[in-house]
C-alpha atoms as a PDB file:
ATOM      1  CA  MET A   1      11.551  11.373 -63.664  1.00  0.00           C
ATOM      2  CA  LYS A   2      12.517   8.158 -61.779  1.00  0.00           C
ATOM      3  CA  LYS A   3      14.922  10.420 -59.599  1.00  0.00           C
ATOM      4  CA  ILE A   4      11.751  12.470 -58.513  1.00  0.00           C
ATOM      5  CA  LEU A   5       9.741   9.533 -58.090  1.00  0.00           C
ATOM      6  CA  LEU A   6      12.618   7.667 -56.046  1.00  0.00           C
ATOM      7  CA  ALA A   7      12.844  11.131 -54.019  1.00  0.00           C
ATOM      8  CA  THR A   8       9.343  11.430 -53.393  1.00  0.00           C
ATOM      9  CA  VAL A   9       9.029   7.837 -51.943  1.00  0.00           C
ATOM     10  CA  ILE A  10      12.072   8.309 -49.542  1.00  0.00           C
ATOM     11  CA  LEU A  11      10.732  11.510 -48.377  1.00  0.00           C
ATOM     12  CA  LEU A  12       7.390   9.920 -47.823  1.00  0.00           C
ATOM     13  CA  ALA A  13       8.674   7.155 -45.934  1.00  0.00           C
ATOM     14  CA  PHE A  14      10.903   9.426 -43.644  1.00  0.00           C
ATOM     15  CA  ALA A  15       7.614  11.652 -42.998  1.00  0.00           C
ATOM     16  CA  LEU A  16       5.926   8.508 -42.056  1.00  0.00           C
ATOM     17  CA  ALA A  17       8.874   7.486 -39.909  1.00  0.00           C
ATOM     18  CA  LEU A  18       8.624  10.565 -37.994  1.00  0.00           C
ATOM     19  CA  THR A  19       5.042  10.510 -37.513  1.00  0.00           C
ATOM     20  CA  ILE A  20       4.959   7.197 -35.925  1.00  0.00           C
ATOM     21  CA  THR A  21       7.883   8.061 -33.761  1.00  0.00           C
ATOM     22  CA  GLN A  22       5.957  11.142 -32.377  1.00  0.00           C
ATOM     23  CA  VAL A  23       2.769   9.280 -31.921  1.00  0.00           C
ATOM     24  CA  SER A  24       4.719   6.576 -29.961  1.00  0.00           C
ATOM     25  CA  CYS A  25       6.399   9.072 -27.838  1.00  0.00           C
ATOM     26  CA  SER A  26       3.429  11.144 -26.987  1.00  0.00           C
ATOM     27  CA  LYS A  27       1.639   7.961 -25.836  1.00  0.00           C
ATOM     28  CA  ALA A  28       4.780   7.069 -23.395  1.00  0.00           C
ATOM     29  CA  THR A  29       4.433  10.876 -22.178  1.00  0.00           C
ATOM     30  CA  ALA A  30       0.914  10.614 -21.910  1.00  0.00           C
ATOM     31  CA  GLN A  31       1.205   7.646 -19.723  1.00  0.00           C
ATOM     32  CA  THR A  32       4.118   8.922 -17.592  1.00  0.00           C
ATOM     33  CA  THR A  33       2.850  12.337 -16.836  1.00  0.00           C
ATOM     34  CA  GLY A  34      -0.536  11.218 -15.534  1.00  0.00           C
ATOM     35  CA  SER A  35      -1.548  12.585 -12.033  1.00  0.00           C
ATOM     36  CA  THR A  36       0.142  10.487  -9.483  1.00  0.00           C
ATOM     37  CA  ALA A  37      -1.625  12.263  -6.548  1.00  0.00           C
ATOM     38  CA  PRO A  38      -3.743   9.703  -4.696  1.00  0.00           C
ATOM     39  CA  THR A  39      -7.527  10.164  -4.795  1.00  0.00           C
ATOM     40  CA  PRO A  40      -8.732  11.206  -1.411  1.00  0.00           C
ATOM     41  CA  ILE A  41     -10.577   8.094   0.295  1.00  0.00           C
ATOM     42  CA  GLY A  42     -12.404  10.478   2.978  1.00  0.00           C
ATOM     43  CA  LEU A  43     -11.249   8.562   5.684  1.00  0.00           C
ATOM     44  CA  VAL A  44      -9.045   8.862   8.924  1.00  0.00           C
ATOM     45  CA  LEU A  45      -7.283   6.280  10.768  1.00  0.00           C
ATOM     46  CA  TYR A  46      -6.677   6.383  14.421  1.00  0.00           C
ATOM     47  CA  GLU A  47      -5.928   3.993  17.194  1.00  0.00           C
ATOM     48  CA  GLY A  48      -5.948   3.810  20.917  1.00  0.00           C
ATOM     49  CA  ASP A  49      -5.230   1.129  23.609  1.00  0.00           C
ATOM     50  CA  ASN A  50      -7.718  -1.199  24.446  1.00  0.00           C
ATOM     51  CA  ASP A  51      -9.176  -0.956  27.942  1.00  0.00           C
ATOM     52  CA  GLY A  52      -6.537   1.509  29.221  1.00  0.00           C
ATOM     53  CA  ASN A  53      -3.813  -1.366  28.455  1.00  0.00           C
ATOM     54  CA  PRO A  54      -1.161   0.055  26.349  1.00  0.00           C
ATOM     55  CA  ASN A  55       0.027  -3.284  25.290  1.00  0.00           C
ATOM     56  CA  VAL A  56      -3.453  -3.797  23.308  1.00  0.00           C
ATOM     57  CA  VAL A  57      -3.997  -2.091  20.326  1.00  0.00           C
ATOM     58  CA  SER A  58      -7.097  -1.150  18.564  1.00  0.00           C
ATOM     59  CA  PHE A  59      -7.713   0.551  15.228  1.00  0.00           C
ATOM     60  CA  TYR A  60     -10.627   3.123  14.322  1.00  0.00           C
ATOM     61  CA  ILE A  61     -11.866   4.727  11.379  1.00  0.00           C
ATOM     62  CA  CYS A  62     -14.252   7.591  10.600  1.00  0.00           C
ATOM     63  CA  ASN A  63     -15.138  10.087   8.079  1.00  0.00           C
ATOM     64  CA  TYR A  64     -13.318  13.312   7.453  1.00  0.00           C
ATOM     65  CA  ASP A  65     -16.047  15.028   9.426  1.00  0.00           C
ATOM     66  CA  GLY A  66     -15.853  12.301  12.159  1.00  0.00           C
ATOM     67  CA  ASN A  67     -19.178  10.591  11.239  1.00  0.00           C
ATOM     68  CA  ASN A  68     -19.403   6.835  11.077  1.00  0.00           C
ATOM     69  CA  ALA A  69     -16.884   6.136  13.593  1.00  0.00           C
ATOM     70  CA  HIS A  70     -16.212   2.488  14.162  1.00  0.00           C
ATOM     71  CA  GLN A  71     -13.569  -0.044  15.303  1.00  0.00           C
ATOM     72  CA  ILE A  72     -12.089  -2.218  12.889  1.00  0.00           C
ATOM     73  CA  GLN A  73     -12.293  -5.726  14.544  1.00  0.00           C
ATOM     74  CA  ILE A  74      -8.962  -7.570  14.132  1.00  0.00           C
ATOM     75  CA  THR A  75     -10.073 -11.255  15.026  1.00  0.00           C
ATOM     76  CA  GLY A  76      -8.540 -14.635  13.959  1.00  0.00           C
ATOM     77  CA  LEU A  77      -4.902 -13.788  14.930  1.00  0.00           C
ATOM     78  CA  PRO A  78      -2.752 -16.746  16.249  1.00  0.00           C
ATOM     79  CA  SER A  79      -2.961 -17.144  20.064  1.00  0.00           C
ATOM     80  CA  GLY A  80      -0.195 -15.221  21.509  1.00  0.00           C
ATOM     81  CA  TYR A  81      -0.102 -12.447  18.760  1.00  0.00           C
ATOM     82  CA  GLN A  82      -0.090  -8.840  19.716  1.00  0.00           C
ATOM     83  CA  VAL A  83      -0.954  -6.015  17.213  1.00  0.00           C
ATOM     84  CA  ASN A  84       1.524  -3.285  17.072  1.00  0.00           C
ATOM     85  CA  GLU A  85       1.040   0.379  16.711  1.00  0.00           C
ATOM     86  CA  GLY A  86       1.226   2.184  13.318  1.00  0.00           C
ATOM     87  CA  ALA A  87      -1.179   0.514  10.858  1.00  0.00           C
ATOM     88  CA  ARG A  88      -2.014   1.964   7.236  1.00  0.00           C
ATOM     89  CA  LEU A  89      -5.163   2.130   5.093  1.00  0.00           C
ATOM     90  CA  SER A  90      -4.755   0.907   1.725  1.00  0.00           C
ATOM     91  CA  PRO A  91      -5.239   3.724  -0.963  1.00  0.00           C
ATOM     92  CA  ASP A  92      -8.803   2.798  -1.532  1.00  0.00           C
ATOM     93  CA  GLY A  93      -9.642   2.751   1.849  1.00  0.00           C
ATOM     94  CA  LYS A  94     -11.210  -0.892   1.983  1.00  0.00           C
ATOM     95  CA  SER A  95      -7.754  -2.951   3.685  1.00  0.00           C
ATOM     96  CA  LEU A  96      -5.731  -1.995   6.650  1.00  0.00           C
ATOM     97  CA  PHE A  97      -2.188  -2.934   7.019  1.00  0.00           C
ATOM     98  CA  PHE A  98      -0.666  -3.963  10.265  1.00  0.00           C
ATOM     99  CA  VAL A  99       2.189  -5.714  12.131  1.00  0.00           C
ATOM    100  CA  ALA A 100       1.511  -8.181  14.939  1.00  0.00           C
ATOM    101  CA  ALA A 101       4.085  -9.777  16.931  1.00  0.00           C
ATOM    102  CA  ASN A 102       4.253 -13.453  18.222  1.00  0.00           C
ATOM    103  CA  THR A 103       4.908 -12.633  21.764  1.00  0.00           C
ATOM    104  CA  ALA A 104       5.190 -16.448  22.436  1.00  0.00           C
ATOM    105  CA  GLN A 105       8.019 -16.959  20.149  1.00  0.00           C
ATOM    106  CA  PRO A 106      11.217 -14.783  20.536  1.00  0.00           C
ATOM    107  CA  SER A 107      13.223 -14.054  17.645  1.00  0.00           C
ATOM    108  CA  GLY A 108      16.694 -14.833  18.893  1.00  0.00           C
ATOM    109  CA  ILE A 109      17.362 -11.336  19.756  1.00  0.00           C
ATOM    110  CA  PRO A 110      16.934 -10.366  23.445  1.00  0.00           C
ATOM    111  CA  GLY A 111      13.628  -8.216  23.584  1.00  0.00           C
ATOM    112  CA  THR A 112      12.610  -9.089  20.121  1.00  0.00           C
ATOM    113  CA  PHE A 113       9.622 -11.423  18.879  1.00  0.00           C
ATOM    114  CA  LEU A 114       9.005 -12.782  15.553  1.00  0.00           C
ATOM    115  CA  SER A 115       6.576 -10.272  13.733  1.00  0.00           C
ATOM    116  CA  TYR A 116       4.313 -10.496  10.490  1.00  0.00           C
ATOM    117  CA  LEU A 117       2.773  -7.870   8.147  1.00  0.00           C
ATOM    118  CA  TYR A 118      -0.888  -8.593   8.224  1.00  0.00           C
ATOM    119  CA  SER A 119      -3.888  -7.148   6.111  1.00  0.00           C
ATOM    120  CA  ILE A 120      -7.621  -7.124   7.010  1.00  0.00           C
ATOM    121  CA  GLY A 121     -10.615  -5.393   5.395  1.00  0.00           C
ATOM    122  CA  VAL A 122     -11.939  -2.368   7.321  1.00  0.00           C
ATOM    123  CA  ASP A 123     -15.161  -4.399   7.983  1.00  0.00           C
ATOM    124  CA  GLY A 124     -12.914  -7.249   9.682  1.00  0.00           C
ATOM    125  CA  SER A 125     -13.190  -9.550   7.147  1.00  0.00           C
ATOM    126  CA  ASN A 126     -10.508 -11.518   5.084  1.00  0.00           C
ATOM    127  CA  LEU A 127      -7.524 -11.512   7.642  1.00  0.00           C
ATOM    128  CA  LYS A 128      -4.349 -12.187   5.790  1.00  0.00           C
ATOM    129  CA  GLN A 129      -0.562 -12.807   6.813  1.00  0.00           C
ATOM    130  CA  LEU A 130       1.356 -11.349   4.057  1.00  0.00           C
ATOM    131  CA  THR A 131       5.064 -11.579   5.027  1.00  0.00           C
ATOM    132  CA  ALA A 132       7.357 -12.183   7.822  1.00  0.00           C
ATOM    133  CA  ILE A 133       9.276  -8.944   9.375  1.00  0.00           C
ATOM    134  CA  PRO A 134      13.098  -9.580   9.614  1.00  0.00           C
ATOM    135  CA  ALA A 135      13.779 -10.920  13.134  1.00  0.00           C
ATOM    136  CA  ASN A 136      16.441  -7.730  13.748  1.00  0.00           C
ATOM    137  CA  SER A 137      13.706  -5.252  12.979  1.00  0.00           C
ATOM    138  CA  SER A 138      12.664  -4.705  16.637  1.00  0.00           C
ATOM    139  CA  TYR A 139       9.567  -5.600  18.305  1.00  0.00           C
ATOM    140  CA  ASP A 140       8.021  -2.167  17.423  1.00  0.00           C
ATOM    141  CA  ALA A 141       8.051  -2.856  13.558  1.00  0.00           C
ATOM    142  CA  THR A 142       5.268  -0.746  11.949  1.00  0.00           C
ATOM    143  CA  VAL A 143       3.864  -0.324   8.629  1.00  0.00           C
ATOM    144  CA  GLU A 144       5.386   2.965   6.477  1.00  0.00           C
ATOM    145  CA  GLY A 145       5.880   3.544   3.013  1.00  0.00           C
ATOM    146  CA  GLY A 146       3.817   4.734   0.115  1.00  0.00           C
ATOM    147  CA  TYR A 147       1.589   2.882  -2.514  1.00  0.00           C
END
């Protein structure tokens, strides 16, 4: 009788351990197999030169259907900074990431200047310098990559 009771307890403990393992694995699988596709924000980012000057870049956004088009006003950059082409919107469409070069400060490599990564709200608020771009990246550094 003792052997049957002991075997029952051991089998019950083993079944409980298997159940706990299955539950924890199914939670981990659910977390890693969720959709990673970005949620569409319904916005298009485009750029153009300012007053026909190819050295002055302006960024604009509009809805997918072309409505609500407006320029993102980038103000507050230090004197001598020039915005580069190739900005990106944040996944939620609330921020713009761009590179600005300090045209008054050469990087030490002929033809290149110190550049910095910035973010700004699409309403033109909350300008932040995020990081410096390595000096050997060239004058035409742009924002690339995923989120």
